[in-house]
N, C-alpha and C. Protein backbone atom coordinates (compact mmCIF):
# COMPACT_ATOMS: atom_id res chain seq x y z
N MET A 1 20.88 -33.90 -37.86
CA MET A 1 20.95 -34.21 -39.23
C MET A 1 20.33 -32.99 -40.07
N VAL A 2 20.97 -32.61 -41.09
CA VAL A 2 20.48 -31.56 -42.00
C VAL A 2 20.29 -32.13 -43.36
N GLU A 3 19.31 -31.66 -44.09
CA GLU A 3 19.17 -32.02 -45.46
C GLU A 3 19.55 -30.89 -46.33
N ILE A 4 20.38 -31.04 -47.31
CA ILE A 4 20.77 -30.04 -48.20
C ILE A 4 20.66 -30.49 -49.68
N ILE A 5 20.40 -29.62 -50.60
CA ILE A 5 20.29 -29.96 -51.95
C ILE A 5 21.66 -29.86 -52.64
N SER A 6 21.93 -30.72 -53.60
CA SER A 6 23.21 -30.78 -54.34
C SER A 6 23.18 -29.52 -55.17
N SER A 7 24.42 -29.22 -55.74
CA SER A 7 24.64 -28.14 -56.56
C SER A 7 23.87 -28.17 -57.90
N ASP A 8 23.59 -29.47 -58.37
CA ASP A 8 22.86 -29.66 -59.59
C ASP A 8 21.30 -29.61 -59.32
N LYS A 9 20.92 -29.43 -58.03
CA LYS A 9 19.58 -29.37 -57.69
C LYS A 9 18.67 -30.61 -57.89
N LYS A 10 19.46 -31.79 -58.00
CA LYS A 10 18.74 -32.99 -58.28
C LYS A 10 18.76 -33.99 -57.19
N THR A 11 19.60 -33.83 -56.18
CA THR A 11 19.77 -34.78 -55.09
C THR A 11 19.76 -34.03 -53.77
N ILE A 12 19.21 -34.76 -52.76
CA ILE A 12 19.19 -34.27 -51.47
C ILE A 12 20.22 -35.08 -50.64
N TYR A 13 21.09 -34.46 -49.91
CA TYR A 13 21.96 -35.21 -49.08
C TYR A 13 21.65 -35.01 -47.66
N GLN A 14 21.85 -35.96 -46.85
CA GLN A 14 21.70 -35.83 -45.35
C GLN A 14 22.98 -35.70 -44.67
N VAL A 15 23.23 -34.59 -43.95
CA VAL A 15 24.45 -34.24 -43.49
C VAL A 15 24.46 -34.07 -41.98
N SER A 16 25.38 -34.73 -41.32
CA SER A 16 25.62 -34.48 -39.88
C SER A 16 27.04 -34.04 -39.67
N GLU A 17 27.47 -33.77 -38.41
CA GLU A 17 28.83 -33.36 -38.16
C GLU A 17 29.86 -34.51 -38.56
N ASN A 18 29.44 -35.65 -38.57
CA ASN A 18 30.36 -36.80 -38.81
C ASN A 18 30.09 -37.61 -40.11
N SER A 19 29.04 -37.29 -40.80
CA SER A 19 28.73 -38.09 -41.97
C SER A 19 27.90 -37.32 -42.98
N CYS A 20 27.91 -37.82 -44.18
CA CYS A 20 27.16 -37.22 -45.28
C CYS A 20 26.73 -38.40 -46.33
N THR A 21 25.67 -38.20 -47.04
CA THR A 21 25.30 -39.25 -47.98
C THR A 21 25.82 -38.87 -49.39
N CYS A 22 26.69 -37.90 -49.55
CA CYS A 22 27.25 -37.52 -50.92
C CYS A 22 28.34 -38.58 -51.29
N PRO A 23 28.45 -38.81 -52.60
CA PRO A 23 29.55 -39.86 -52.98
C PRO A 23 30.92 -39.49 -52.52
N ASN A 24 31.33 -38.20 -52.46
CA ASN A 24 32.62 -37.83 -51.99
C ASN A 24 32.91 -38.33 -50.57
N PHE A 25 31.91 -38.11 -49.65
CA PHE A 25 32.04 -38.71 -48.39
C PHE A 25 32.11 -40.14 -48.28
N ILE A 26 31.13 -40.76 -48.84
CA ILE A 26 30.93 -42.25 -48.78
C ILE A 26 32.19 -42.95 -49.40
N TYR A 27 32.64 -42.57 -50.62
CA TYR A 27 33.72 -43.32 -51.25
C TYR A 27 35.17 -42.73 -50.96
N ARG A 28 35.28 -41.56 -50.40
CA ARG A 28 36.57 -41.10 -50.26
C ARG A 28 36.85 -40.68 -48.71
N GLN A 29 36.16 -39.74 -48.27
CA GLN A 29 36.33 -39.12 -46.95
C GLN A 29 36.14 -40.08 -45.86
N ALA A 30 35.14 -40.85 -45.83
CA ALA A 30 34.83 -41.82 -44.68
C ALA A 30 35.92 -42.74 -44.47
N LYS A 31 36.55 -43.13 -45.51
CA LYS A 31 37.75 -44.14 -45.45
C LYS A 31 38.98 -43.46 -44.78
N MET A 32 39.13 -42.18 -45.05
CA MET A 32 40.21 -41.46 -44.49
C MET A 32 39.95 -40.61 -43.31
N GLY A 33 38.78 -40.64 -42.78
CA GLY A 33 38.37 -39.87 -41.66
C GLY A 33 38.33 -38.34 -41.97
N GLY A 34 38.05 -38.11 -43.27
CA GLY A 34 37.98 -36.62 -43.73
C GLY A 34 36.59 -36.14 -43.79
N GLN A 35 36.39 -34.96 -44.31
CA GLN A 35 35.04 -34.32 -44.41
C GLN A 35 34.83 -33.80 -45.84
N CYS A 36 33.60 -33.98 -46.22
CA CYS A 36 33.16 -33.41 -47.60
C CYS A 36 32.82 -31.92 -47.42
N LYS A 37 32.61 -31.28 -48.54
CA LYS A 37 32.29 -29.87 -48.54
C LYS A 37 31.04 -29.55 -47.79
N HIS A 38 30.01 -30.50 -47.84
CA HIS A 38 28.83 -30.38 -47.21
C HIS A 38 28.96 -30.33 -45.68
N ILE A 39 29.71 -31.19 -45.01
CA ILE A 39 29.96 -31.19 -43.62
C ILE A 39 30.64 -29.84 -43.27
N ILE A 40 31.62 -29.48 -44.03
CA ILE A 40 32.44 -28.27 -43.79
C ILE A 40 31.50 -27.01 -43.93
N ASN A 41 30.65 -26.97 -44.87
CA ASN A 41 29.78 -25.80 -45.09
C ASN A 41 28.69 -25.85 -43.94
N CYS A 42 28.13 -26.93 -43.63
CA CYS A 42 27.06 -26.94 -42.61
C CYS A 42 27.46 -26.86 -41.21
N PHE A 43 28.64 -27.36 -40.87
CA PHE A 43 29.14 -27.42 -39.47
C PHE A 43 30.44 -26.82 -39.20
N GLY A 44 30.98 -26.17 -40.06
CA GLY A 44 32.23 -25.43 -39.91
C GLY A 44 33.47 -26.28 -40.25
N GLY A 45 33.41 -27.50 -40.04
CA GLY A 45 34.47 -28.41 -40.43
C GLY A 45 35.80 -28.12 -39.78
N LYS A 46 36.82 -28.75 -40.28
CA LYS A 46 38.18 -28.60 -39.82
C LYS A 46 38.86 -27.42 -40.38
N ILE A 47 38.33 -26.92 -41.53
CA ILE A 47 38.89 -25.66 -42.13
C ILE A 47 37.76 -24.66 -42.32
N ASN A 48 38.16 -23.42 -42.31
CA ASN A 48 37.14 -22.33 -42.44
C ASN A 48 36.98 -22.17 -43.90
N LYS A 49 35.80 -22.67 -44.38
CA LYS A 49 35.42 -22.46 -45.82
C LYS A 49 33.99 -22.07 -45.92
N ASN A 50 33.67 -21.16 -46.77
CA ASN A 50 32.30 -20.80 -46.93
C ASN A 50 31.94 -20.78 -48.41
N LEU A 51 30.67 -20.64 -48.65
CA LEU A 51 30.22 -20.82 -50.13
C LEU A 51 30.91 -19.89 -51.03
N ASN A 52 31.21 -18.63 -50.60
CA ASN A 52 31.86 -17.65 -51.50
C ASN A 52 33.26 -18.28 -51.88
N GLU A 53 33.92 -18.81 -50.93
CA GLU A 53 35.26 -19.34 -51.15
C GLU A 53 35.15 -20.43 -52.21
N PHE A 54 34.14 -21.34 -51.94
CA PHE A 54 34.04 -22.46 -52.84
C PHE A 54 33.67 -21.92 -54.32
N GLY A 55 32.82 -20.82 -54.46
CA GLY A 55 32.52 -20.33 -55.73
C GLY A 55 33.80 -19.75 -56.25
N GLU A 56 34.74 -19.13 -55.64
CA GLU A 56 36.01 -18.68 -56.15
C GLU A 56 36.85 -19.84 -56.60
N LEU A 57 36.90 -20.95 -55.87
CA LEU A 57 37.70 -22.02 -56.26
C LEU A 57 37.10 -22.64 -57.47
N SER A 58 35.80 -22.72 -57.53
CA SER A 58 35.13 -23.29 -58.65
C SER A 58 35.50 -22.54 -59.99
N LYS A 59 35.58 -21.16 -59.92
CA LYS A 59 35.99 -20.40 -61.07
C LYS A 59 37.42 -20.72 -61.48
N LEU A 60 38.28 -21.00 -60.51
CA LEU A 60 39.74 -21.20 -60.82
C LEU A 60 39.93 -22.59 -61.46
N PHE A 61 39.23 -23.63 -60.89
CA PHE A 61 39.53 -25.02 -61.27
C PHE A 61 38.71 -25.48 -62.45
N LYS A 62 37.63 -24.86 -62.90
CA LYS A 62 36.82 -25.31 -64.01
C LYS A 62 37.25 -24.69 -65.28
N PRO A 63 37.06 -25.29 -66.53
CA PRO A 63 36.49 -26.63 -66.62
C PRO A 63 37.48 -27.71 -66.54
N ASN A 64 38.79 -27.57 -66.73
CA ASN A 64 39.83 -28.58 -66.85
C ASN A 64 40.84 -28.65 -65.76
N GLY A 65 40.48 -28.09 -64.60
CA GLY A 65 41.43 -28.09 -63.45
C GLY A 65 42.59 -27.05 -63.78
N LEU A 66 43.58 -27.09 -62.76
CA LEU A 66 44.73 -26.24 -62.88
C LEU A 66 45.99 -26.99 -62.98
N ASP A 67 46.98 -26.68 -63.76
CA ASP A 67 48.26 -27.30 -63.71
C ASP A 67 48.95 -26.96 -62.43
N PHE A 68 50.04 -27.67 -62.12
CA PHE A 68 50.63 -27.38 -60.80
C PHE A 68 51.18 -26.05 -60.60
N ASP A 69 51.86 -25.54 -61.58
CA ASP A 69 52.48 -24.15 -61.45
C ASP A 69 51.39 -23.16 -61.22
N SER A 70 50.33 -23.19 -61.97
CA SER A 70 49.17 -22.18 -61.84
C SER A 70 48.59 -22.26 -60.42
N ALA A 71 48.41 -23.51 -60.03
CA ALA A 71 47.80 -23.77 -58.71
C ALA A 71 48.62 -23.15 -57.54
N TYR A 72 49.85 -23.49 -57.67
CA TYR A 72 50.78 -22.99 -56.55
C TYR A 72 50.88 -21.43 -56.58
N ASN A 73 50.95 -20.85 -57.82
CA ASN A 73 51.02 -19.46 -57.88
C ASN A 73 49.72 -18.70 -57.49
N LYS A 74 48.58 -19.27 -57.76
CA LYS A 74 47.29 -18.62 -57.52
C LYS A 74 46.73 -18.95 -56.11
N ILE A 75 47.04 -20.04 -55.61
CA ILE A 75 46.52 -20.46 -54.32
C ILE A 75 47.48 -20.57 -53.14
N GLY A 76 48.72 -21.03 -53.40
CA GLY A 76 49.75 -21.22 -52.46
C GLY A 76 49.77 -22.68 -51.93
N GLU A 77 50.99 -23.02 -51.70
CA GLU A 77 51.23 -24.45 -51.24
C GLU A 77 50.43 -24.85 -49.96
N ASP A 78 50.37 -24.04 -48.98
CA ASP A 78 49.74 -24.42 -47.73
C ASP A 78 48.25 -24.68 -47.94
N LYS A 79 47.55 -23.72 -48.72
CA LYS A 79 46.19 -23.93 -48.94
C LYS A 79 45.86 -25.10 -49.88
N LEU A 80 46.73 -25.32 -50.96
CA LEU A 80 46.53 -26.47 -51.70
C LEU A 80 46.64 -27.79 -50.86
N LYS A 81 47.51 -27.90 -49.98
CA LYS A 81 47.72 -29.03 -49.17
C LYS A 81 46.45 -29.27 -48.32
N ARG A 82 45.85 -28.21 -47.72
CA ARG A 82 44.65 -28.19 -46.97
C ARG A 82 43.38 -28.68 -47.80
N LEU A 83 43.32 -28.17 -49.04
CA LEU A 83 42.26 -28.48 -49.95
C LEU A 83 42.36 -29.96 -50.37
N ILE A 84 43.59 -30.48 -50.52
CA ILE A 84 43.69 -31.89 -50.89
C ILE A 84 43.31 -32.76 -49.66
N LYS A 85 43.80 -32.37 -48.46
CA LYS A 85 43.61 -33.14 -47.17
C LYS A 85 42.16 -33.29 -46.90
N PHE A 86 41.36 -32.27 -47.19
CA PHE A 86 39.93 -32.30 -46.85
C PHE A 86 39.02 -32.67 -48.10
N GLY A 87 39.60 -33.19 -49.11
CA GLY A 87 38.91 -33.72 -50.24
C GLY A 87 38.13 -32.72 -51.05
N ILE A 88 38.65 -31.50 -51.11
CA ILE A 88 38.05 -30.52 -51.94
C ILE A 88 38.65 -30.50 -53.28
N ILE A 89 39.86 -30.79 -53.43
CA ILE A 89 40.58 -30.97 -54.71
C ILE A 89 41.29 -32.23 -54.68
N CYS A 90 41.62 -32.68 -55.92
CA CYS A 90 42.54 -33.85 -55.95
C CYS A 90 43.39 -33.74 -57.22
N LYS A 91 44.48 -34.52 -57.28
CA LYS A 91 45.38 -34.63 -58.41
C LYS A 91 44.86 -35.63 -59.37
N SER A 92 44.72 -35.27 -60.65
CA SER A 92 44.06 -36.27 -61.58
C SER A 92 44.79 -36.03 -62.98
N PRO A 93 44.94 -37.18 -63.66
CA PRO A 93 45.43 -36.99 -65.01
C PRO A 93 44.37 -36.49 -66.00
N ILE A 94 44.62 -35.33 -66.63
CA ILE A 94 43.77 -34.80 -67.54
C ILE A 94 44.57 -34.39 -68.74
N LYS A 95 44.16 -34.66 -69.94
CA LYS A 95 44.84 -34.34 -71.20
C LYS A 95 46.30 -34.53 -71.10
N GLY A 96 46.66 -35.76 -70.63
CA GLY A 96 48.05 -36.19 -70.65
C GLY A 96 48.93 -35.64 -69.60
N ASP A 97 48.33 -34.85 -68.67
CA ASP A 97 49.09 -34.17 -67.75
C ASP A 97 48.42 -34.25 -66.39
N TYR A 98 49.17 -34.25 -65.23
CA TYR A 98 48.50 -34.26 -63.93
C TYR A 98 48.02 -32.77 -63.57
N ARG A 99 46.77 -32.67 -63.15
CA ARG A 99 46.27 -31.41 -62.80
C ARG A 99 45.54 -31.51 -61.60
N PHE A 100 45.27 -30.40 -60.82
CA PHE A 100 44.37 -30.27 -59.67
C PHE A 100 42.98 -30.04 -60.19
N ILE A 101 42.03 -30.94 -59.65
CA ILE A 101 40.65 -30.67 -60.08
C ILE A 101 39.81 -30.52 -58.79
N LEU A 102 38.73 -29.72 -58.93
CA LEU A 102 37.73 -29.63 -57.84
C LEU A 102 36.84 -30.74 -57.80
N LEU A 103 36.65 -31.35 -56.58
CA LEU A 103 35.61 -32.33 -56.33
C LEU A 103 34.34 -31.80 -55.94
N GLU A 104 33.29 -32.25 -56.49
CA GLU A 104 31.97 -31.74 -56.16
C GLU A 104 31.09 -32.77 -55.61
């Protein structure tokens, strides 16, 4: 078990290879057998993702996510599917349109 601090520096999550105390894992990933970014970052996870890559994704997706065309052009279909599968991004209605947003 590893303790890590959240990106807002207010919460400490306990992370193991199979679980995490973050809301994304508890309410989404555990139900689907997926992994949150904390498991992936700490233990390698099912996809190769590091903090630099997450920082780059954060710049692309904030503050209002990406529309479908921009996401496919900037990231590519295969990577988008992996990011959705592992709970890093999701499709959400924002400003009357569906957009990809980054889950934190």
